[in-house]
Amino acid sequence: MNKIIVIIGGGICAVSAIKAIREVDVDVEICLIEEESFHPYYRIKLSKKIFDDINDSNMLLQKKEWYEEKRVKLYSKKKVVKIDL
């Protein structure tokens, strides 16, 4: 049976969880589901960057390629409304 880990929400905790999972298991399937249209980003930086140039390099938690390298299936613009274990 294939194990799948599903992470709901794309914040700092999600990225930290992916890092921790990959340290102990490089083969398990990881799916990240988030409602945002963007890759996980620093939400707390939004107010500090309001007058600065906001771009991927200074806002993303990890580069887009990082998710591919860590073999994470990223589902953006998806709202989780129910969990059926």
N, C-alpha and C. Protein backbone atom coordinates (compact mmCIF):
# COMPACT_ATOMS: atom_id res chain seq x y z
N MET A 1 0.84 -1.18 0.00
CA MET A 1 0.00 0.00 0.00
C MET A 1 0.89 1.24 0.00
N ASN A 2 0.61 2.16 -0.89
CA ASN A 2 1.36 3.40 -0.98
C ASN A 2 0.89 4.37 0.09
N LYS A 3 1.86 4.97 0.78
CA LYS A 3 1.52 5.98 1.78
C LYS A 3 1.46 7.33 1.09
N ILE A 4 0.48 8.13 1.49
CA ILE A 4 0.34 9.49 0.98
C ILE A 4 0.16 10.41 2.19
N ILE A 5 0.93 11.47 2.21
CA ILE A 5 0.77 12.49 3.24
C ILE A 5 0.16 13.71 2.58
N VAL A 6 -0.96 14.17 3.13
CA VAL A 6 -1.65 15.34 2.60
C VAL A 6 -1.49 16.47 3.61
N ILE A 7 -0.98 17.59 3.13
CA ILE A 7 -0.81 18.78 3.97
C ILE A 7 -1.79 19.82 3.47
N ILE A 8 -2.59 20.34 4.38
CA ILE A 8 -3.60 21.34 4.01
C ILE A 8 -3.13 22.70 4.50
N GLY A 9 -2.99 23.63 3.57
CA GLY A 9 -2.52 24.97 3.88
C GLY A 9 -1.07 25.14 3.48
N GLY A 10 -0.76 26.28 2.92
CA GLY A 10 0.57 26.49 2.37
C GLY A 10 1.40 27.51 3.11
N GLY A 11 1.43 27.44 4.40
CA GLY A 11 2.21 28.40 5.17
C GLY A 11 3.57 27.87 5.57
N ILE A 12 4.19 28.56 6.50
CA ILE A 12 5.51 28.18 6.98
C ILE A 12 5.49 26.78 7.58
N CYS A 13 4.44 26.45 8.29
CA CYS A 13 4.34 25.11 8.90
C CYS A 13 4.32 24.02 7.83
N ALA A 14 3.66 24.27 6.73
CA ALA A 14 3.61 23.27 5.65
C ALA A 14 5.00 23.00 5.08
N VAL A 15 5.74 24.05 4.82
CA VAL A 15 7.09 23.90 4.27
C VAL A 15 8.01 23.22 5.29
N SER A 16 7.87 23.57 6.56
CA SER A 16 8.65 22.92 7.61
C SER A 16 8.31 21.44 7.70
N ALA A 17 7.04 21.11 7.56
CA ALA A 17 6.61 19.71 7.59
C ALA A 17 7.21 18.93 6.42
N ILE A 18 7.21 19.52 5.24
CA ILE A 18 7.79 18.87 4.06
C ILE A 18 9.27 18.58 4.29
N LYS A 19 9.99 19.56 4.82
CA LYS A 19 11.42 19.37 5.10
C LYS A 19 11.63 18.22 6.09
N ALA A 20 10.84 18.20 7.15
CA ALA A 20 10.98 17.16 8.18
C ALA A 20 10.63 15.78 7.62
N ILE A 21 9.58 15.71 6.82
CA ILE A 21 9.17 14.43 6.22
C ILE A 21 10.27 13.90 5.31
N ARG A 22 10.82 14.76 4.49
CA ARG A 22 11.85 14.32 3.54
C ARG A 22 13.15 13.91 4.23
N GLU A 23 13.38 14.39 5.44
CA GLU A 23 14.56 13.96 6.19
C GLU A 23 14.47 12.49 6.59
N VAL A 24 13.26 11.99 6.79
CA VAL A 24 13.09 10.61 7.25
C VAL A 24 12.52 9.68 6.18
N ASP A 25 11.89 10.24 5.16
CA ASP A 25 11.28 9.40 4.11
C ASP A 25 11.35 10.14 2.77
N VAL A 26 12.18 9.63 1.88
CA VAL A 26 12.33 10.28 0.58
C VAL A 26 11.34 9.75 -0.46
N ASP A 27 10.62 8.68 -0.10
CA ASP A 27 9.75 8.04 -1.09
C ASP A 27 8.26 8.32 -0.89
N VAL A 28 7.85 8.69 0.31
CA VAL A 28 6.43 8.88 0.56
C VAL A 28 5.89 9.99 -0.34
N GLU A 29 4.66 9.81 -0.81
CA GLU A 29 4.03 10.83 -1.66
C GLU A 29 3.50 11.95 -0.77
N ILE A 30 3.84 13.19 -1.15
CA ILE A 30 3.38 14.36 -0.40
C ILE A 30 2.53 15.23 -1.32
N CYS A 31 1.33 15.56 -0.84
CA CYS A 31 0.44 16.46 -1.57
C CYS A 31 0.21 17.69 -0.68
N LEU A 32 0.37 18.85 -1.25
CA LEU A 32 0.13 20.11 -0.55
C LEU A 32 -1.06 20.79 -1.21
N ILE A 33 -2.11 21.00 -0.43
CA ILE A 33 -3.33 21.62 -0.95
C ILE A 33 -3.47 22.98 -0.29
N GLU A 34 -3.61 24.01 -1.13
CA GLU A 34 -3.77 25.36 -0.59
C GLU A 34 -4.78 26.15 -1.41
N GLU A 35 -5.43 27.07 -0.75
CA GLU A 35 -6.46 27.88 -1.41
C GLU A 35 -5.87 29.04 -2.21
N GLU A 36 -4.65 29.43 -1.88
CA GLU A 36 -4.00 30.55 -2.59
C GLU A 36 -3.72 30.18 -4.05
N SER A 37 -3.54 31.20 -4.87
CA SER A 37 -3.18 30.97 -6.27
C SER A 37 -1.68 30.94 -6.49
N PHE A 38 -0.92 31.16 -5.43
CA PHE A 38 0.53 31.26 -5.52
C PHE A 38 1.19 30.14 -4.74
N HIS A 39 2.45 29.93 -5.01
CA HIS A 39 3.24 29.01 -4.18
C HIS A 39 3.30 29.61 -2.76
N PRO A 40 3.52 28.78 -1.74
CA PRO A 40 3.58 29.30 -0.38
C PRO A 40 4.55 30.48 -0.24
N TYR A 41 4.08 31.52 0.43
CA TYR A 41 4.86 32.75 0.56
C TYR A 41 4.84 33.24 2.00
N TYR A 42 5.72 34.18 2.30
CA TYR A 42 5.79 34.79 3.64
C TYR A 42 4.64 35.75 3.82
N ARG A 43 3.62 35.33 4.51
CA ARG A 43 2.46 36.20 4.73
C ARG A 43 2.82 37.39 5.64
N ILE A 44 3.71 37.15 6.60
CA ILE A 44 4.05 38.23 7.53
C ILE A 44 4.85 39.34 6.86
N LYS A 45 5.44 39.06 5.71
CA LYS A 45 6.21 40.08 4.99
C LYS A 45 5.31 41.02 4.19
N LEU A 46 4.05 40.65 4.01
CA LEU A 46 3.17 41.47 3.17
C LEU A 46 3.07 42.90 3.69
N SER A 47 2.87 43.07 4.98
CA SER A 47 2.74 44.43 5.50
C SER A 47 4.06 45.18 5.46
N LYS A 48 5.17 44.48 5.59
CA LYS A 48 6.47 45.14 5.55
C LYS A 48 6.88 45.50 4.13
N LYS A 49 6.37 44.77 3.15
CA LYS A 49 6.75 45.00 1.76
C LYS A 49 5.72 45.83 1.00
N ILE A 50 4.74 46.38 1.70
CA ILE A 50 3.64 47.06 1.02
C ILE A 50 4.11 48.19 0.10
N PHE A 51 5.21 48.83 0.45
CA PHE A 51 5.70 49.92 -0.39
C PHE A 51 6.91 49.52 -1.22
N ASP A 52 7.33 48.28 -1.08
CA ASP A 52 8.47 47.78 -1.85
C ASP A 52 7.97 47.00 -3.06
N ASP A 53 8.92 46.65 -3.89
CA ASP A 53 8.62 45.80 -5.04
C ASP A 53 8.42 44.36 -4.54
N ILE A 54 7.24 43.83 -4.73
CA ILE A 54 6.95 42.46 -4.30
C ILE A 54 7.16 41.54 -5.50
N ASN A 55 8.03 40.55 -5.31
CA ASN A 55 8.25 39.58 -6.38
C ASN A 55 8.53 38.22 -5.76
N ASP A 56 8.60 37.20 -6.61
CA ASP A 56 8.80 35.83 -6.13
C ASP A 56 10.05 35.67 -5.29
N SER A 57 11.13 36.32 -5.69
CA SER A 57 12.41 36.09 -5.02
C SER A 57 12.42 36.54 -3.57
N ASN A 58 11.63 37.55 -3.23
CA ASN A 58 11.66 38.01 -1.84
C ASN A 58 10.39 37.65 -1.05
N MET A 59 9.48 36.92 -1.65
CA MET A 59 8.25 36.57 -0.95
C MET A 59 8.01 35.06 -0.79
N LEU A 60 8.52 34.26 -1.71
CA LEU A 60 8.25 32.82 -1.63
C LEU A 60 9.04 32.17 -0.50
N LEU A 61 8.40 31.21 0.17
CA LEU A 61 9.09 30.45 1.22
C LEU A 61 10.21 29.60 0.61
N GLN A 62 9.95 29.03 -0.54
CA GLN A 62 10.94 28.24 -1.28
C GLN A 62 10.75 28.54 -2.76
N LYS A 63 11.79 28.38 -3.53
CA LYS A 63 11.66 28.57 -4.97
C LYS A 63 10.72 27.51 -5.53
N LYS A 64 10.08 27.82 -6.62
CA LYS A 64 9.11 26.90 -7.22
C LYS A 64 9.75 25.55 -7.53
N GLU A 65 11.00 25.56 -7.93
CA GLU A 65 11.70 24.32 -8.28
C GLU A 65 11.89 23.42 -7.06
N TRP A 66 11.93 23.99 -5.88
CA TRP A 66 12.13 23.23 -4.65
C TRP A 66 11.04 22.17 -4.48
N TYR A 67 9.81 22.54 -4.81
CA TYR A 67 8.69 21.61 -4.65
C TYR A 67 8.83 20.43 -5.61
N GLU A 68 9.35 20.69 -6.80
CA GLU A 68 9.62 19.60 -7.75
C GLU A 68 10.75 18.72 -7.25
N GLU A 69 11.82 19.34 -6.75
CA GLU A 69 12.97 18.58 -6.23
C GLU A 69 12.56 17.69 -5.06
N LYS A 70 11.67 18.19 -4.22
CA LYS A 70 11.20 17.42 -3.06
C LYS A 70 10.03 16.50 -3.42
N ARG A 71 9.67 16.51 -4.70
CA ARG A 71 8.58 15.67 -5.21
C ARG A 71 7.27 15.90 -4.44
N VAL A 72 6.87 17.15 -4.38
CA VAL A 72 5.62 17.55 -3.72
C VAL A 72 4.61 17.89 -4.81
N LYS A 73 3.46 17.26 -4.74
CA LYS A 73 2.37 17.61 -5.66
C LYS A 73 1.64 18.80 -5.04
N LEU A 74 1.68 19.92 -5.73
CA LEU A 74 1.11 21.16 -5.22
C LEU A 74 -0.22 21.43 -5.91
N TYR A 75 -1.27 21.55 -5.11
CA TYR A 75 -2.60 21.85 -5.63
C TYR A 75 -2.99 23.23 -5.13
N SER A 76 -2.90 24.22 -6.02
CA SER A 76 -3.26 25.60 -5.67
C SER A 76 -4.70 25.87 -6.08
N LYS A 77 -5.25 26.90 -5.49
CA LYS A 77 -6.64 27.32 -5.76
C LYS A 77 -7.63 26.19 -5.46
N LYS A 78 -7.35 25.43 -4.41
CA LYS A 78 -8.23 24.34 -4.00
C LYS A 78 -8.61 24.56 -2.54
N LYS A 79 -9.88 24.58 -2.27
CA LYS A 79 -10.36 24.78 -0.90
C LYS A 79 -10.80 23.43 -0.34
N VAL A 80 -10.24 23.06 0.79
CA VAL A 80 -10.62 21.80 1.44
C VAL A 80 -11.83 22.11 2.32
N VAL A 81 -12.91 21.41 2.03
CA VAL A 81 -14.15 21.63 2.80
C VAL A 81 -14.54 20.42 3.64
N LYS A 82 -13.89 19.28 3.37
CA LYS A 82 -14.23 18.08 4.11
C LYS A 82 -13.06 17.12 4.03
N ILE A 83 -12.85 16.37 5.11
CA ILE A 83 -11.81 15.35 5.12
C ILE A 83 -12.48 14.02 5.41
N ASP A 84 -12.28 13.06 4.52
CA ASP A 84 -12.82 11.72 4.69
C ASP A 84 -11.65 10.75 4.85
N LEU A 85 -11.35 10.40 6.08
CA LEU A 85 -10.22 9.51 6.35
C LEU A 85 -10.52 8.12 5.87
